[in-house]
């Protein structure tokens, strides 16, 4: 009996022999490789899934290739495969080419910059909305500890909303995103402790954002740790790229 895993494995082995790769996360599938390999393999993958009743959702398909790598053959193969290029609109209405993989923008510099700006503004808006809903100066009920709830959310959850992007996107792109989110977190902390950031000394501001073990509150500024975050992401991402099968027949991990 054929299964999705078997169909996926056939495509995986086929691409690997040709110099490509297929990845899967949740219900998303990504094929990486030169156009002459990737586009034809999409059709083959669809044929392998057909016997188990699965279909590819062409309405969600997008592709991206660097501008310097494009050729007439690329456009012919892309159109034959019926896969459009991914893009978002810039400030002037121009098409900025790129796509998202595992929630991370991949594309031209303008695409990544614009995408992160939009994402940062959306996250900031969500953070401030949470602050408004739990504003301790607005909710003064002894049975609803809004101040404590807001602080616990900041400490254990909200301060990390941008870490995934800092970890997986080169730091030359993430400075604006990080400072946008830092300002929102500072506003929430001000609500928690009835503080105004512009009234605090430089020393106090630095002290607040130190780890708890160093006398701080444990809420780090993402703009300060984004370089370390990215290095951590790179180090964590290297092992899967290394050959894991060795001459001794053992499968070696990290």
Foldseek 3Di string as FASTA:
>chain_A
DDDLVNLQVVLQVQQVVVVKGWDDDDPDIDIDDPLVRGLVSVVVSQVSCVVVPDHDDQVPAADADDPVRDDPVNVVSCVVSVHYFDFDADPVRDTFTWDDDPNQTDGDLRRNLVVLVVVLVVLLVVLVVLCVVLQCVVDPDPVCPSLVVLVCCLQPPSLCPCLVHLQAPPPVRCLVSLVSSLVSSVVSVCSSVVDDPVVDDPVLVVQQQDPVVSNHVRRHRCNVCSVVSNVVSVVVPPFVVDDQQDPVRDGDGD
